Amino acid sequence: MPQHEELDTPRGPARVRTDLPAGPPVALLVLGHGAGGDVDAPDLVAVRDAVVGAGVAVARVTQPYRVAGRRAPAPAGHLDEAWAAVLTVLRERFPGVPLLVGGRSSGARVACRGARAVGAAGVVALAFPLHPPGRPERSRAAELTTGLPTLVVNGDRDPFGLPAAQGPVEVAVRPGERHDLRGDPAGVADAVLGWLRGRGWATA
């Protein structure tokens, strides 16, 4: 059964659901949600199910604005501040294992921006919103350049764009998928699990 709790942050309480593997975890994966969504999005749940079975502890974080019942996202600085506060607590609970951060859409952006500051070993970015729909000139590609191993999983029909692989950033393209990645969540999870296993961050 997942552990449900609220953790204090400078921007109000965040909600955390933690799922533990059967044995000692080999890594900790912390995931954030999309701007107007929640941590029960199909791709996040599928990834959780797949990697917990491979020895990874998974914490899904609900940002304070969503806990407070608001759908409109908080400013980026507020999201980053709350995320960092939660990561500080979680990191202390899982010492000695790699910390991996990620999420879908807005949550992926937050994870990328704070990855180095929280001491992450890698990043999992689902449906990374490369640019606003119809505005390719407003690229957010710079947020992916953390210098850390990064897996991007995006659909080839995503109106928010498809990032390019570069350096330590790998891109798994899901044919026919749009931004919600609802067509084949299990395929998304398989891509993540294979990437984690390739780096020794999940059991075979």
C-alpha atoms as a PDB file:
ATOM      1  CA  MET A   1       0.000   0.000   0.000  1.00  0.00           C
ATOM      2  CA  PRO A   2       1.311   3.472  -0.815  1.00  0.00           C
ATOM      3  CA  GLN A   3       2.159   5.857   1.983  1.00  0.00           C
ATOM      4  CA  HIS A   4       0.156   9.087   1.844  1.00  0.00           C
ATOM      5  CA  GLU A   5       1.316  12.193   3.673  1.00  0.00           C
ATOM      6  CA  GLU A   6       1.558  15.956   3.496  1.00  0.00           C
ATOM      7  CA  LEU A   7       4.890  17.725   3.795  1.00  0.00           C
ATOM      8  CA  ASP A   8       5.289  21.389   4.645  1.00  0.00           C
ATOM      9  CA  THR A   9       6.906  23.658   2.060  1.00  0.00           C
ATOM     10  CA  PRO A  10       7.378  27.429   1.919  1.00  0.00           C
ATOM     11  CA  ARG A  11       4.408  27.497  -0.487  1.00  0.00           C
ATOM     12  CA  GLY A  12       2.032  25.430   1.623  1.00  0.00           C
ATOM     13  CA  PRO A  13       1.654  21.682   2.129  1.00  0.00           C
ATOM     14  CA  ALA A  14       2.536  19.298  -0.687  1.00  0.00           C
ATOM     15  CA  ARG A  15       1.063  15.813  -0.850  1.00  0.00           C
ATOM     16  CA  VAL A  16       3.329  12.810  -1.339  1.00  0.00           C
ATOM     17  CA  ARG A  17       2.394   9.238  -2.212  1.00  0.00           C
ATOM     18  CA  THR A  18       5.271   6.808  -1.804  1.00  0.00           C
ATOM     19  CA  ASP A  19       5.293   3.254  -3.152  1.00  0.00           C
ATOM     20  CA  LEU A  20       8.012   0.913  -1.957  1.00  0.00           C
ATOM     21  CA  PRO A  21       9.395  -2.213  -3.628  1.00  0.00           C
ATOM     22  CA  ALA A  22       9.304  -5.578  -1.889  1.00  0.00           C
ATOM     23  CA  GLY A  23      12.971  -5.400  -0.894  1.00  0.00           C
ATOM     24  CA  PRO A  24      15.465  -2.635  -0.214  1.00  0.00           C
ATOM     25  CA  PRO A  25      15.161   0.015  -2.933  1.00  0.00           C
ATOM     26  CA  VAL A  26      17.939   0.324  -5.486  1.00  0.00           C
ATOM     27  CA  ALA A  27      16.924   3.891  -6.388  1.00  0.00           C
ATOM     28  CA  LEU A  28      14.376   6.587  -5.570  1.00  0.00           C
ATOM     29  CA  LEU A  29      12.302   8.107  -8.384  1.00  0.00           C
ATOM     30  CA  VAL A  30      10.352  11.276  -7.533  1.00  0.00           C
ATOM     31  CA  LEU A  31       7.663  12.320 -10.020  1.00  0.00           C
ATOM     32  CA  GLY A  32       5.636  15.515 -10.435  1.00  0.00           C
ATOM     33  CA  HIS A  33       2.333  16.076 -12.243  1.00  0.00           C
ATOM     34  CA  GLY A  34       1.234  18.228 -15.156  1.00  0.00           C
ATOM     35  CA  ALA A  35       0.003  21.793 -14.748  1.00  0.00           C
ATOM     36  CA  GLY A  36      -3.708  21.046 -14.439  1.00  0.00           C
ATOM     37  CA  GLY A  37      -3.455  17.337 -13.745  1.00  0.00           C
ATOM     38  CA  ASP A  38      -2.596  15.050 -10.884  1.00  0.00           C
ATOM     39  CA  VAL A  39      -0.302  12.192  -9.973  1.00  0.00           C
ATOM     40  CA  ASP A  40      -2.868   9.606 -11.130  1.00  0.00           C
ATOM     41  CA  ALA A  41      -2.244  10.434 -14.809  1.00  0.00           C
ATOM     42  CA  PRO A  42      -2.047   7.157 -16.763  1.00  0.00           C
ATOM     43  CA  ASP A  43       1.609   7.518 -17.720  1.00  0.00           C
ATOM     44  CA  LEU A  44       2.717   8.323 -14.162  1.00  0.00           C
ATOM     45  CA  VAL A  45       0.766   5.373 -12.736  1.00  0.00           C
ATOM     46  CA  ALA A  46       2.128   3.009 -15.392  1.00  0.00           C
ATOM     47  CA  VAL A  47       5.702   4.092 -14.687  1.00  0.00           C
ATOM     48  CA  ARG A  48       5.104   3.674 -10.960  1.00  0.00           C
ATOM     49  CA  ASP A  49       3.758   0.153 -11.425  1.00  0.00           C
ATOM     50  CA  ALA A  50       6.607  -0.916 -13.690  1.00  0.00           C
ATOM     51  CA  VAL A  51       9.557   0.410 -11.736  1.00  0.00           C
ATOM     52  CA  VAL A  52       8.377  -0.458  -8.221  1.00  0.00           C
ATOM     53  CA  GLY A  53       8.402  -4.057  -9.391  1.00  0.00           C
ATOM     54  CA  ALA A  54      12.036  -3.557 -10.411  1.00  0.00           C
ATOM     55  CA  GLY A  55      13.261  -2.407  -7.022  1.00  0.00           C
ATOM     56  CA  VAL A  56      12.673   1.348  -7.309  1.00  0.00           C
ATOM     57  CA  ALA A  57      10.926   3.412  -4.628  1.00  0.00           C
ATOM     58  CA  VAL A  58       8.568   5.914  -6.251  1.00  0.00           C
ATOM     59  CA  ALA A  59       7.280   9.128  -4.671  1.00  0.00           C
ATOM     60  CA  ARG A  60       4.585  11.073  -6.559  1.00  0.00           C
ATOM     61  CA  VAL A  61       4.392  14.698  -5.457  1.00  0.00           C
ATOM     62  CA  THR A  62       1.305  16.917  -5.666  1.00  0.00           C
ATOM     63  CA  GLN A  63       2.248  20.588  -5.696  1.00  0.00           C
ATOM     64  CA  PRO A  64       0.754  22.885  -3.015  1.00  0.00           C
ATOM     65  CA  TYR A  65      -1.493  24.769  -5.462  1.00  0.00           C
ATOM     66  CA  ARG A  66      -3.214  21.499  -6.394  1.00  0.00           C
ATOM     67  CA  VAL A  67      -3.484  20.428  -2.745  1.00  0.00           C
ATOM     68  CA  ALA A  68      -5.246  23.761  -2.153  1.00  0.00           C
ATOM     69  CA  GLY A  69      -7.728  22.909  -4.909  1.00  0.00           C
ATOM     70  CA  ARG A  70      -6.482  25.307  -7.583  1.00  0.00           C
ATOM     71  CA  ARG A  71      -6.062  24.227 -11.209  1.00  0.00           C
ATOM     72  CA  ALA A  72      -4.131  27.245 -12.459  1.00  0.00           C
ATOM     73  CA  PRO A  73      -0.443  26.528 -11.861  1.00  0.00           C
ATOM     74  CA  ALA A  74       1.648  28.541  -9.460  1.00  0.00           C
ATOM     75  CA  PRO A  75       4.571  30.625 -10.809  1.00  0.00           C
ATOM     76  CA  ALA A  76       7.642  28.621 -11.773  1.00  0.00           C
ATOM     77  CA  GLY A  77       9.650  29.908  -8.823  1.00  0.00           C
ATOM     78  CA  HIS A  78       6.961  28.764  -6.387  1.00  0.00           C
ATOM     79  CA  LEU A  79       6.827  25.311  -7.987  1.00  0.00           C
ATOM     80  CA  ASP A  80      10.589  24.968  -7.805  1.00  0.00           C
ATOM     81  CA  GLU A  81      10.692  26.088  -4.177  1.00  0.00           C
ATOM     82  CA  ALA A  82       8.047  23.604  -3.058  1.00  0.00           C
ATOM     83  CA  TRP A  83       9.677  20.805  -5.062  1.00  0.00           C
ATOM     84  CA  ALA A  84      13.078  21.450  -3.491  1.00  0.00           C
ATOM     85  CA  ALA A  85      11.586  21.370   0.007  1.00  0.00           C
ATOM     86  CA  VAL A  86       9.937  17.994  -0.624  1.00  0.00           C
ATOM     87  CA  LEU A  87      13.080  16.572  -2.212  1.00  0.00           C
ATOM     88  CA  THR A  88      15.136  17.559   0.825  1.00  0.00           C
ATOM     89  CA  VAL A  89      12.898  15.433   3.053  1.00  0.00           C
ATOM     90  CA  LEU A  90      12.707  12.482   0.677  1.00  0.00           C
ATOM     91  CA  ARG A  91      16.444  12.412   0.045  1.00  0.00           C
ATOM     92  CA  GLU A  92      17.108  12.071   3.763  1.00  0.00           C
ATOM     93  CA  ARG A  93      14.759   9.082   3.942  1.00  0.00           C
ATOM     94  CA  PHE A  94      16.538   7.173   1.191  1.00  0.00           C
ATOM     95  CA  PRO A  95      20.247   7.632   1.802  1.00  0.00           C
ATOM     96  CA  GLY A  96      22.784   5.757  -0.235  1.00  0.00           C
ATOM     97  CA  VAL A  97      20.678   5.147  -3.345  1.00  0.00           C
ATOM     98  CA  PRO A  98      20.562   7.172  -6.581  1.00  0.00           C
ATOM     99  CA  LEU A  99      17.976   9.950  -6.644  1.00  0.00           C
ATOM    100  CA  LEU A 100      16.097  10.266  -9.920  1.00  0.00           C
ATOM    101  CA  VAL A 101      13.673  13.097 -10.585  1.00  0.00           C
ATOM    102  CA  GLY A 102      10.999  13.513 -13.211  1.00  0.00           C
ATOM    103  CA  GLY A 103       7.377  14.001 -14.023  1.00  0.00           C
ATOM    104  CA  ARG A 104       5.054  14.800 -16.872  1.00  0.00           C
ATOM    105  CA  SER A 105       4.758  18.125 -18.717  1.00  0.00           C
ATOM    106  CA  SER A 106       5.062  20.948 -16.148  1.00  0.00           C
ATOM    107  CA  GLY A 107       6.349  18.419 -13.629  1.00  0.00           C
ATOM    108  CA  ALA A 108       9.112  17.424 -16.033  1.00  0.00           C
ATOM    109  CA  ARG A 109      10.155  21.073 -16.371  1.00  0.00           C
ATOM    110  CA  VAL A 110      10.293  21.487 -12.584  1.00  0.00           C
ATOM    111  CA  ALA A 111      12.356  18.314 -12.254  1.00  0.00           C
ATOM    112  CA  CYS A 112      14.820  19.481 -14.912  1.00  0.00           C
ATOM    113  CA  ARG A 113      15.245  22.946 -13.436  1.00  0.00           C
ATOM    114  CA  GLY A 114      16.024  21.624  -9.971  1.00  0.00           C
ATOM    115  CA  ALA A 115      17.838  18.396 -10.845  1.00  0.00           C
ATOM    116  CA  ARG A 116      21.369  19.490 -10.041  1.00  0.00           C
ATOM    117  CA  ALA A 117      20.423  21.450  -6.936  1.00  0.00           C
ATOM    118  CA  VAL A 118      18.772  18.415  -5.321  1.00  0.00           C
ATOM    119  CA  GLY A 119      21.637  16.085  -6.218  1.00  0.00           C
ATOM    120  CA  ALA A 120      19.795  13.994  -8.785  1.00  0.00           C
ATOM    121  CA  ALA A 121      21.638  11.326 -10.750  1.00  0.00           C
ATOM    122  CA  GLY A 122      19.219  11.419 -13.690  1.00  0.00           C
ATOM    123  CA  VAL A 123      15.959  12.821 -15.049  1.00  0.00           C
ATOM    124  CA  VAL A 124      12.833  11.194 -16.511  1.00  0.00           C
ATOM    125  CA  ALA A 125      10.802  13.707 -18.532  1.00  0.00           C
ATOM    126  CA  LEU A 126       7.407  12.543 -19.802  1.00  0.00           C
ATOM    127  CA  ALA A 127       5.603  14.718 -22.380  1.00  0.00           C
ATOM    128  CA  PHE A 128       8.182  17.483 -22.001  1.00  0.00           C
ATOM    129  CA  PRO A 129       6.484  20.646 -23.347  1.00  0.00           C
ATOM    130  CA  LEU A 130       9.179  21.913 -25.684  1.00  0.00           C
ATOM    131  CA  HIS A 131       7.164  25.017 -26.557  1.00  0.00           C
ATOM    132  CA  PRO A 132       3.606  26.357 -26.225  1.00  0.00           C
ATOM    133  CA  PRO A 133       1.338  24.966 -28.962  1.00  0.00           C
ATOM    134  CA  GLY A 134       1.889  26.856 -32.187  1.00  0.00           C
ATOM    135  CA  ARG A 135       4.810  28.838 -30.757  1.00  0.00           C
ATOM    136  CA  PRO A 136       7.982  26.911 -31.648  1.00  0.00           C
ATOM    137  CA  GLU A 137      10.042  30.100 -31.305  1.00  0.00           C
ATOM    138  CA  ARG A 138       9.453  29.958 -27.519  1.00  0.00           C
ATOM    139  CA  SER A 139      11.596  26.885 -27.010  1.00  0.00           C
ATOM    140  CA  ARG A 140      12.272  25.491 -23.537  1.00  0.00           C
ATOM    141  CA  ALA A 141      15.011  23.164 -24.774  1.00  0.00           C
ATOM    142  CA  ALA A 142      17.533  24.848 -22.458  1.00  0.00           C
ATOM    143  CA  GLU A 143      15.754  23.351 -19.441  1.00  0.00           C
ATOM    144  CA  LEU A 144      16.753  19.877 -20.638  1.00  0.00           C
ATOM    145  CA  THR A 145      20.456  20.729 -20.658  1.00  0.00           C
ATOM    146  CA  THR A 146      21.157  19.701 -17.077  1.00  0.00           C
ATOM    147  CA  GLY A 147      24.272  17.733 -17.987  1.00  0.00           C
ATOM    148  CA  LEU A 148      22.677  14.685 -16.347  1.00  0.00           C
ATOM    149  CA  PRO A 149      21.488  11.504 -18.055  1.00  0.00           C
ATOM    150  CA  THR A 150      17.949  12.352 -19.159  1.00  0.00           C
ATOM    151  CA  LEU A 151      15.210  10.324 -20.787  1.00  0.00           C
ATOM    152  CA  VAL A 152      12.476  12.206 -22.640  1.00  0.00           C
ATOM    153  CA  VAL A 153       9.368  10.242 -23.628  1.00  0.00           C
ATOM    154  CA  ASN A 154       7.148  12.241 -26.002  1.00  0.00           C
ATOM    155  CA  GLY A 155       4.499  11.493 -28.579  1.00  0.00           C
ATOM    156  CA  ASP A 156       5.181  12.355 -32.205  1.00  0.00           C
ATOM    157  CA  ARG A 157       1.835  14.183 -32.383  1.00  0.00           C
ATOM    158  CA  ASP A 158       2.351  16.295 -29.277  1.00  0.00           C
ATOM    159  CA  PRO A 159       1.304  19.902 -30.060  1.00  0.00           C
ATOM    160  CA  PHE A 160       3.850  21.048 -27.466  1.00  0.00           C
ATOM    161  CA  GLY A 161       6.645  19.745 -29.676  1.00  0.00           C
ATOM    162  CA  LEU A 162       9.209  16.955 -29.693  1.00  0.00           C
ATOM    163  CA  PRO A 163      12.630  17.623 -28.140  1.00  0.00           C
ATOM    164  CA  ALA A 164      15.764  16.478 -29.949  1.00  0.00           C
ATOM    165  CA  ALA A 165      18.272  14.048 -28.486  1.00  0.00           C
ATOM    166  CA  GLN A 166      21.516  15.780 -27.626  1.00  0.00           C
ATOM    167  CA  GLY A 167      24.421  14.840 -25.381  1.00  0.00           C
ATOM    168  CA  PRO A 168      23.125  12.954 -22.345  1.00  0.00           C
ATOM    169  CA  VAL A 169      19.495  13.583 -23.388  1.00  0.00           C
ATOM    170  CA  GLU A 170      17.851  10.542 -24.981  1.00  0.00           C
ATOM    171  CA  VAL A 171      14.423  10.772 -26.602  1.00  0.00           C
ATOM    172  CA  ALA A 172      11.976   7.871 -26.866  1.00  0.00           C
ATOM    173  CA  VAL A 173       9.342   8.773 -29.463  1.00  0.00           C
ATOM    174  CA  ARG A 174       5.895   7.248 -29.015  1.00  0.00           C
ATOM    175  CA  PRO A 175       4.198   6.945 -32.435  1.00  0.00           C
ATOM    176  CA  GLY A 176       0.677   8.338 -32.635  1.00  0.00           C
ATOM    177  CA  GLU A 177       0.735   9.744 -29.101  1.00  0.00           C
ATOM    178  CA  ARG A 178      -0.269  13.269 -28.176  1.00  0.00           C
ATOM    179  CA  HIS A 179       0.556  15.234 -25.033  1.00  0.00           C
ATOM    180  CA  ASP A 180      -1.448  13.075 -22.639  1.00  0.00           C
ATOM    181  CA  LEU A 181       0.408   9.848 -23.580  1.00  0.00           C
ATOM    182  CA  ARG A 182      -2.820   7.956 -22.930  1.00  0.00           C
ATOM    183  CA  GLY A 183      -2.693   5.684 -25.970  1.00  0.00           C
ATOM    184  CA  ASP A 184      -0.162   3.224 -24.565  1.00  0.00           C
ATOM    185  CA  PRO A 185       0.890   3.994 -20.985  1.00  0.00           C
ATOM    186  CA  ALA A 186       2.485   0.561 -20.693  1.00  0.00           C
ATOM    187  CA  GLY A 187       4.746   1.384 -23.633  1.00  0.00           C
ATOM    188  CA  VAL A 188       5.806   4.595 -21.913  1.00  0.00           C
ATOM    189  CA  ALA A 189       6.578   2.628 -18.744  1.00  0.00           C
ATOM    190  CA  ASP A 190       8.584   0.043 -20.684  1.00  0.00           C
ATOM    191  CA  ALA A 191      10.745   2.808 -22.165  1.00  0.00           C
ATOM    192  CA  VAL A 192      11.434   4.236 -18.713  1.00  0.00           C
ATOM    193  CA  LEU A 193      12.138   0.853 -17.156  1.00  0.00           C
ATOM    194  CA  GLY A 194      14.538  -0.134 -19.929  1.00  0.00           C
ATOM    195  CA  TRP A 195      16.405   3.146 -19.546  1.00  0.00           C
ATOM    196  CA  LEU A 196      16.689   2.743 -15.772  1.00  0.00           C
ATOM    197  CA  ARG A 197      17.910  -0.835 -16.096  1.00  0.00           C
ATOM    198  CA  GLY A 198      20.506   0.222 -18.639  1.00  0.00           C
ATOM    199  CA  ARG A 199      22.078   2.445 -15.995  1.00  0.00           C
ATOM    200  CA  GLY A 200      21.805   0.059 -13.074  1.00  0.00           C
ATOM    201  CA  TRP A 201      19.006   2.103 -11.478  1.00  0.00           C
ATOM    202  CA  ALA A 202      16.502  -0.771 -11.558  1.00  0.00           C
ATOM    203  CA  THR A 203      16.766  -4.521 -11.125  1.00  0.00           C
ATOM    204  CA  ALA A 204      16.541  -6.899 -14.074  1.00  0.00           C
END
